[in-house]
Amino acid sequence: MGGEQMELSALVGGAAAVCTTLAFIPQIIKIRKQGGKDLSYSMLFLYLAGVLFWLFYGLLLHAPEIIWANAVTALLVVIALGLKATQRA
């Protein structure tokens, strides 16, 4: 792969990482404001499992974009789980 193509792939990968990581923040805000009763634990745990597998994959490849995006996303999912658990009524 040429240098220009590698730069483009890094840019695309970085943009994808930012978008998918930031996409979970509105969900956390919604859980905090309205509670998480409409959000299933099974979805959150399955999502967390997928994110952790991506994190492990990134570690195997030594790919910083994959590692950081999925580490942050895993943290956001854990926060969402904590908020959902503490706001049960």
N, C-alpha and C. Protein backbone atom coordinates (compact mmCIF):
# COMPACT_ATOMS: atom_id res chain seq x y z
N MET A 1 0.85 -1.18 0.00
CA MET A 1 0.00 0.00 0.00
C MET A 1 0.89 1.24 0.00
N GLY A 2 0.61 2.20 -0.88
CA GLY A 2 1.39 3.42 -0.96
C GLY A 2 1.13 4.33 0.22
N GLY A 3 2.01 5.30 0.41
CA GLY A 3 1.90 6.22 1.54
C GLY A 3 0.60 7.00 1.56
N GLU A 4 0.18 7.47 0.39
CA GLU A 4 -1.06 8.24 0.31
C GLU A 4 -2.28 7.38 0.66
N GLN A 5 -2.25 6.13 0.18
CA GLN A 5 -3.36 5.22 0.47
C GLN A 5 -3.38 4.85 1.96
N MET A 6 -2.20 4.70 2.57
CA MET A 6 -2.13 4.40 4.00
C MET A 6 -2.66 5.57 4.81
N GLU A 7 -2.34 6.79 4.40
CA GLU A 7 -2.84 7.97 5.10
C GLU A 7 -4.36 8.03 5.01
N LEU A 8 -4.90 7.72 3.84
CA LEU A 8 -6.35 7.71 3.66
C LEU A 8 -6.99 6.63 4.53
N SER A 9 -6.40 5.45 4.58
CA SER A 9 -6.98 4.38 5.40
C SER A 9 -6.92 4.73 6.88
N ALA A 10 -5.85 5.39 7.32
CA ALA A 10 -5.75 5.82 8.71
C ALA A 10 -6.80 6.89 9.01
N LEU A 11 -7.01 7.80 8.08
CA LEU A 11 -8.01 8.85 8.24
C LEU A 11 -9.42 8.25 8.32
N VAL A 12 -9.71 7.33 7.42
CA VAL A 12 -11.03 6.67 7.42
C VAL A 12 -11.21 5.86 8.70
N GLY A 13 -10.20 5.12 9.10
CA GLY A 13 -10.28 4.33 10.33
C GLY A 13 -10.45 5.21 11.55
N GLY A 14 -9.73 6.31 11.60
CA GLY A 14 -9.87 7.24 12.72
C GLY A 14 -11.25 7.88 12.77
N ALA A 15 -11.77 8.27 11.61
CA ALA A 15 -13.11 8.86 11.56
C ALA A 15 -14.17 7.85 12.00
N ALA A 16 -14.04 6.61 11.55
CA ALA A 16 -14.98 5.56 11.95
C ALA A 16 -14.90 5.33 13.46
N ALA A 17 -13.70 5.32 14.00
CA ALA A 17 -13.52 5.11 15.44
C ALA A 17 -14.18 6.23 16.24
N VAL A 18 -13.98 7.47 15.81
CA VAL A 18 -14.58 8.61 16.52
C VAL A 18 -16.11 8.54 16.45
N CYS A 19 -16.64 8.27 15.27
CA CYS A 19 -18.11 8.23 15.10
C CYS A 19 -18.75 7.13 15.94
N THR A 20 -18.20 5.92 15.88
CA THR A 20 -18.82 4.82 16.63
C THR A 20 -18.65 4.98 18.13
N THR A 21 -17.57 5.61 18.55
CA THR A 21 -17.38 5.84 19.98
C THR A 21 -18.33 6.93 20.48
N LEU A 22 -18.39 8.04 19.77
CA LEU A 22 -19.25 9.15 20.19
C LEU A 22 -20.73 8.81 20.07
N ALA A 23 -21.08 7.87 19.23
CA ALA A 23 -22.49 7.50 19.03
C ALA A 23 -23.13 6.98 20.31
N PHE A 24 -22.36 6.47 21.23
CA PHE A 24 -22.92 5.92 22.46
C PHE A 24 -23.20 6.99 23.51
N ILE A 25 -22.61 8.15 23.39
CA ILE A 25 -22.79 9.21 24.39
C ILE A 25 -24.24 9.68 24.51
N PRO A 26 -24.98 9.90 23.42
CA PRO A 26 -26.39 10.29 23.58
C PRO A 26 -27.22 9.25 24.35
N GLN A 27 -26.87 7.98 24.20
CA GLN A 27 -27.58 6.93 24.93
C GLN A 27 -27.34 7.07 26.43
N ILE A 28 -26.12 7.38 26.81
CA ILE A 28 -25.81 7.57 28.23
C ILE A 28 -26.56 8.78 28.78
N ILE A 29 -26.61 9.85 28.02
CA ILE A 29 -27.35 11.04 28.45
C ILE A 29 -28.83 10.70 28.63
N LYS A 30 -29.38 9.95 27.70
CA LYS A 30 -30.79 9.56 27.79
C LYS A 30 -31.04 8.67 29.01
N ILE A 31 -30.16 7.72 29.27
CA ILE A 31 -30.32 6.86 30.44
C ILE A 31 -30.26 7.70 31.71
N ARG A 32 -29.33 8.64 31.74
CA ARG A 32 -29.19 9.48 32.93
C ARG A 32 -30.42 10.34 33.17
N LYS A 33 -30.99 10.90 32.10
CA LYS A 33 -32.15 11.79 32.24
C LYS A 33 -33.46 11.03 32.39
N GLN A 34 -33.65 9.96 31.61
CA GLN A 34 -34.95 9.29 31.55
C GLN A 34 -34.95 7.89 32.14
N GLY A 35 -33.80 7.40 32.56
CA GLY A 35 -33.72 6.03 33.04
C GLY A 35 -33.45 5.09 31.88
N GLY A 36 -33.15 3.86 32.21
CA GLY A 36 -32.77 2.91 31.16
C GLY A 36 -33.71 1.74 31.03
N LYS A 37 -34.96 1.92 31.44
CA LYS A 37 -35.88 0.77 31.43
C LYS A 37 -36.15 0.23 30.04
N ASP A 38 -36.04 1.05 29.01
CA ASP A 38 -36.29 0.60 27.64
C ASP A 38 -35.07 -0.04 26.99
N LEU A 39 -33.97 -0.06 27.69
CA LEU A 39 -32.73 -0.61 27.16
C LEU A 39 -32.47 -1.95 27.84
N SER A 40 -32.27 -3.00 27.07
CA SER A 40 -32.12 -4.33 27.67
C SER A 40 -30.68 -4.58 28.12
N TYR A 41 -30.58 -5.31 29.23
CA TYR A 41 -29.26 -5.71 29.71
C TYR A 41 -28.58 -6.62 28.70
N SER A 42 -29.37 -7.49 28.06
CA SER A 42 -28.76 -8.42 27.10
C SER A 42 -28.11 -7.66 25.95
N MET A 43 -28.73 -6.59 25.46
CA MET A 43 -28.13 -5.80 24.39
C MET A 43 -26.84 -5.15 24.87
N LEU A 44 -26.88 -4.57 26.07
CA LEU A 44 -25.69 -3.90 26.58
C LEU A 44 -24.54 -4.88 26.79
N PHE A 45 -24.83 -6.06 27.36
CA PHE A 45 -23.77 -7.03 27.59
C PHE A 45 -23.24 -7.61 26.27
N LEU A 46 -24.13 -7.85 25.31
CA LEU A 46 -23.69 -8.34 24.01
C LEU A 46 -22.85 -7.29 23.29
N TYR A 47 -23.27 -6.04 23.37
CA TYR A 47 -22.51 -4.95 22.77
C TYR A 47 -21.13 -4.84 23.43
N LEU A 48 -21.11 -4.94 24.77
CA LEU A 48 -19.84 -4.89 25.50
C LEU A 48 -18.93 -6.04 25.07
N ALA A 49 -19.49 -7.23 24.93
CA ALA A 49 -18.68 -8.37 24.49
C ALA A 49 -18.07 -8.10 23.11
N GLY A 50 -18.88 -7.58 22.19
CA GLY A 50 -18.37 -7.27 20.86
C GLY A 50 -17.27 -6.23 20.89
N VAL A 51 -17.45 -5.21 21.71
CA VAL A 51 -16.45 -4.14 21.84
C VAL A 51 -15.16 -4.70 22.43
N LEU A 52 -15.28 -5.59 23.41
CA LEU A 52 -14.08 -6.18 24.02
C LEU A 52 -13.34 -7.08 23.03
N PHE A 53 -14.10 -7.80 22.19
CA PHE A 53 -13.45 -8.59 21.14
C PHE A 53 -12.71 -7.68 20.15
N TRP A 54 -13.33 -6.55 19.76
CA TRP A 54 -12.65 -5.60 18.88
C TRP A 54 -11.40 -5.03 19.56
N LEU A 55 -11.49 -4.77 20.86
CA LEU A 55 -10.33 -4.27 21.60
C LEU A 55 -9.20 -5.30 21.56
N PHE A 56 -9.53 -6.55 21.82
CA PHE A 56 -8.54 -7.62 21.78
C PHE A 56 -7.93 -7.74 20.37
N TYR A 57 -8.77 -7.65 19.36
CA TYR A 57 -8.32 -7.69 17.96
C TYR A 57 -7.34 -6.54 17.69
N GLY A 58 -7.68 -5.35 18.16
CA GLY A 58 -6.79 -4.21 18.00
C GLY A 58 -5.46 -4.41 18.69
N LEU A 59 -5.49 -5.04 19.86
CA LEU A 59 -4.25 -5.33 20.57
C LEU A 59 -3.40 -6.33 19.79
N LEU A 60 -4.05 -7.34 19.22
CA LEU A 60 -3.31 -8.33 18.43
C LEU A 60 -2.66 -7.70 17.20
N LEU A 61 -3.34 -6.73 16.59
CA LEU A 61 -2.82 -6.06 15.39
C LEU A 61 -1.92 -4.87 15.71
N HIS A 62 -1.87 -4.48 16.98
CA HIS A 62 -1.15 -3.27 17.39
C HIS A 62 -1.71 -2.06 16.63
N ALA A 63 -3.05 -1.95 16.60
CA ALA A 63 -3.74 -0.89 15.86
C ALA A 63 -4.31 0.13 16.85
N PRO A 64 -3.63 1.26 17.04
CA PRO A 64 -4.06 2.24 18.04
C PRO A 64 -5.49 2.74 17.86
N GLU A 65 -5.93 2.95 16.61
CA GLU A 65 -7.29 3.45 16.40
C GLU A 65 -8.33 2.47 16.93
N ILE A 66 -8.11 1.19 16.67
CA ILE A 66 -9.04 0.16 17.13
C ILE A 66 -8.97 0.03 18.64
N ILE A 67 -7.77 0.07 19.19
CA ILE A 67 -7.59 -0.08 20.64
C ILE A 67 -8.28 1.05 21.39
N TRP A 68 -7.96 2.30 21.05
CA TRP A 68 -8.50 3.44 21.79
C TRP A 68 -10.00 3.57 21.63
N ALA A 69 -10.49 3.41 20.42
CA ALA A 69 -11.93 3.54 20.19
C ALA A 69 -12.71 2.52 21.00
N ASN A 70 -12.23 1.30 21.03
CA ASN A 70 -12.98 0.26 21.72
C ASN A 70 -12.76 0.28 23.23
N ALA A 71 -11.61 0.75 23.68
CA ALA A 71 -11.41 0.93 25.12
C ALA A 71 -12.36 2.00 25.66
N VAL A 72 -12.46 3.12 24.94
CA VAL A 72 -13.37 4.19 25.36
C VAL A 72 -14.82 3.73 25.26
N THR A 73 -15.17 3.04 24.18
CA THR A 73 -16.54 2.56 24.03
C THR A 73 -16.89 1.56 25.12
N ALA A 74 -15.96 0.68 25.48
CA ALA A 74 -16.21 -0.27 26.58
C ALA A 74 -16.49 0.49 27.87
N LEU A 75 -15.72 1.53 28.13
CA LEU A 75 -15.96 2.34 29.32
C LEU A 75 -17.34 2.98 29.28
N LEU A 76 -17.75 3.49 28.12
CA LEU A 76 -19.08 4.09 27.99
C LEU A 76 -20.19 3.06 28.22
N VAL A 77 -20.00 1.85 27.73
CA VAL A 77 -21.01 0.81 27.94
C VAL A 77 -21.08 0.44 29.42
N VAL A 78 -19.95 0.37 30.09
CA VAL A 78 -19.94 0.08 31.53
C VAL A 78 -20.64 1.20 32.29
N ILE A 79 -20.43 2.44 31.90
CA ILE A 79 -21.14 3.57 32.51
C ILE A 79 -22.64 3.42 32.29
N ALA A 80 -23.04 3.08 31.06
CA ALA A 80 -24.46 2.88 30.77
C ALA A 80 -25.05 1.77 31.62
N LEU A 81 -24.32 0.68 31.77
CA LEU A 81 -24.79 -0.43 32.62
C LEU A 81 -24.94 0.03 34.07
N GLY A 82 -23.96 0.79 34.55
CA GLY A 82 -24.04 1.30 35.92
C GLY A 82 -25.21 2.24 36.12
N LEU A 83 -25.43 3.13 35.18
CA LEU A 83 -26.57 4.05 35.28
C LEU A 83 -27.89 3.29 35.25
N LYS A 84 -27.99 2.32 34.36
CA LYS A 84 -29.22 1.53 34.26
C LYS A 84 -29.47 0.77 35.56
N ALA A 85 -28.43 0.20 36.13
CA ALA A 85 -28.57 -0.57 37.37
C ALA A 85 -28.97 0.31 38.55
N THR A 86 -28.42 1.52 38.61
CA THR A 86 -28.71 2.38 39.76
C THR A 86 -30.02 3.14 39.61
N GLN A 87 -30.56 3.22 38.41
CA GLN A 87 -31.80 3.98 38.20
C GLN A 87 -33.01 3.07 38.03
N ARG A 88 -32.88 1.83 38.43
CA ARG A 88 -34.04 0.92 38.35
C ARG A 88 -35.07 1.36 39.36
N ALA A 89 -36.28 1.37 38.93
CA ALA A 89 -37.37 1.77 39.84
C ALA A 89 -38.53 0.83 39.71
